[in-house]
Protein backbone atom coordinates (compact mmCIF):
# COMPACT_ATOMS: atom_id res chain seq x y z
CA UNK A 1 46.22 0.98 -15.83
CA UNK A 2 43.12 -0.98 -14.51
CA UNK A 3 45.21 -2.62 -11.59
CA UNK A 4 46.26 1.15 -10.54
CA UNK A 5 43.13 2.15 -10.21
CA UNK A 6 41.46 -0.81 -8.87
CA UNK A 7 44.43 -0.98 -5.70
CA UNK A 8 43.18 2.97 -5.28
CA UNK A 9 39.91 1.75 -5.36
CA UNK A 10 40.46 -0.93 -2.68
CA UNK A 11 42.51 1.23 -0.56
CA UNK A 12 39.98 3.96 -0.57
CA UNK A 13 37.71 2.03 0.22
CA UNK A 14 39.33 0.19 2.84
CA UNK A 15 39.35 3.52 4.60
CA UNK A 16 35.82 3.75 4.81
CA UNK A 17 35.04 0.13 5.90
CA UNK A 18 34.93 0.84 9.55
CA UNK A 19 32.10 2.79 9.16
CA UNK A 20 30.02 -0.67 8.25
CA UNK A 21 30.64 -1.99 11.25
CA UNK A 22 29.64 1.41 13.45
CA UNK A 23 26.16 0.95 11.50
CA UNK A 24 25.65 -2.50 12.65
CA UNK A 25 25.28 -3.91 9.23
CA UNK A 26 26.23 -7.56 7.93
CA UNK A 27 25.89 -9.53 5.27
CA UNK A 28 26.70 -13.38 5.01
CA UNK A 29 27.26 -14.84 1.13
CA UNK A 30 27.39 -18.57 0.42
CA UNK A 31 27.50 -20.31 -2.11
CA UNK A 32 25.03 -23.07 -2.02
CA UNK A 33 25.21 -25.33 -5.13
CA UNK A 34 26.66 -25.31 -8.33
CA UNK A 35 24.87 -21.95 -9.71
CA UNK A 36 23.04 -20.78 -6.53
CA UNK A 37 24.15 -18.67 -3.24
CA UNK A 38 22.39 -17.01 -0.06
CA UNK A 39 22.35 -13.68 1.03
CA UNK A 40 22.14 -13.47 4.75
CA UNK A 41 21.56 -9.86 5.77
CA UNK A 42 20.84 -8.17 8.88
CA UNK A 43 19.26 -4.84 8.08
CA UNK A 44 18.65 -1.39 9.61
CA UNK A 45 15.77 0.18 7.30
CA UNK A 46 15.79 0.15 3.59
CA UNK A 47 18.25 -1.91 1.49
CA UNK A 48 18.55 -3.13 -2.00
CA UNK A 49 20.43 -6.17 -3.49
CA UNK A 50 21.89 -5.57 -6.73
CA UNK A 51 23.34 -8.30 -10.04
CA UNK A 52 25.34 -6.32 -12.25
CA UNK A 53 26.96 -7.95 -15.99
CA UNK A 54 30.46 -6.80 -16.88
CA UNK A 55 29.18 -4.03 -18.79
CA UNK A 56 26.86 -2.71 -15.44
CA UNK A 57 23.84 -3.70 -16.57
CA UNK A 58 21.30 -4.70 -14.22
CA UNK A 59 20.28 -8.29 -14.07
CA UNK A 60 18.51 -8.49 -11.21
CA UNK A 61 17.19 -6.21 -8.42
CA UNK A 62 15.60 -6.64 -5.07
CA UNK A 63 14.59 -3.74 -2.63
CA UNK A 64 13.21 -3.82 0.65
CA UNK A 65 12.70 -1.78 3.86
CA UNK A 66 12.46 -3.89 7.13
CA UNK A 67 14.32 -3.35 10.17
CA UNK A 68 15.12 -7.19 10.40
CA UNK A 69 16.74 -10.07 9.34
CA UNK A 70 16.88 -10.71 5.42
CA UNK A 71 17.65 -14.46 3.33
CA UNK A 72 17.47 -14.57 -0.01
CA UNK A 73 18.62 -17.45 -2.32
CA UNK A 74 19.82 -16.60 -5.67
CA UNK A 75 19.60 -18.82 -8.72
CA UNK A 76 22.71 -17.88 -11.70
CA UNK A 77 21.79 -20.47 -13.86
CA UNK A 78 20.07 -18.84 -16.27
CA UNK A 79 23.05 -16.49 -16.54
CA UNK A 80 25.48 -16.42 -19.66
CA UNK A 81 29.06 -17.13 -18.10
CA UNK A 82 31.11 -14.12 -16.90
CA UNK A 83 32.05 -11.87 -14.43
CA UNK A 84 28.95 -9.98 -12.26
CA UNK A 85 29.07 -7.94 -9.10
CA UNK A 86 26.60 -8.23 -6.22
CA UNK A 87 26.15 -5.12 -4.67
CA UNK A 88 24.28 -4.72 -1.37
CA UNK A 89 23.17 -1.53 -0.33
CA UNK A 90 21.89 -0.29 3.46
CA UNK A 91 21.40 3.07 4.03
CA UNK A 92 24.57 4.77 3.64
CA UNK A 93 26.96 1.48 3.61
CA UNK A 94 27.59 -0.37 0.23
CA UNK A 95 29.17 -3.82 -0.22
CA UNK A 96 30.21 -5.00 -3.51
CA UNK A 97 31.41 -8.57 -4.05
CA UNK A 98 32.28 -10.17 -6.87
CA UNK A 99 30.83 -13.22 -9.20
CA UNK A 100 32.28 -16.04 -11.46
CA UNK A 101 29.31 -17.54 -13.11
CA UNK A 102 31.23 -20.52 -15.54
CA UNK A 103 29.94 -23.68 -17.66
CA UNK A 104 30.88 -25.33 -14.04
CA UNK A 105 29.15 -23.56 -11.62
CA UNK A 106 29.91 -20.12 -9.57
CA UNK A 107 32.42 -18.23 -7.50
CA UNK A 108 32.34 -15.52 -5.17
CA UNK A 109 35.05 -14.18 -4.10
CA UNK A 110 34.59 -12.89 -0.70
CA UNK A 111 38.28 -12.08 -0.05
CA UNK A 112 38.10 -9.06 -2.28
CA UNK A 113 34.49 -7.57 -1.09
CA UNK A 114 34.38 -3.69 -0.81
CA UNK A 115 32.31 -2.03 2.03
CA UNK A 116 32.05 1.78 2.23
CA UNK A 117 29.78 4.28 3.34
CA UNK A 118 28.34 6.90 1.45
């Protein structure tokens, strides 16, 4: 049942993905070290980045409101091993990235990133 719901969610969000390109919002995620990654974001105004754990609890959040380039390096070495999500919100556009923190490092699944407009 979970895989069916996930597939439906991916399909629904894929339909709306083109709206993010119309907004001119671009986000780049890059692993920097064993347990660090950088977010490069061209913002159009107010934005928010949130890291949530598997239960949906917010473990980190940052807000901003500038019409410029945002660059932030996140260090997750103090987080317990597990699955996390990074949610980037810029106006009406939401992007979600899956993160896997292990004792050996960090895996960012950019292939399954979801982007949609509200």
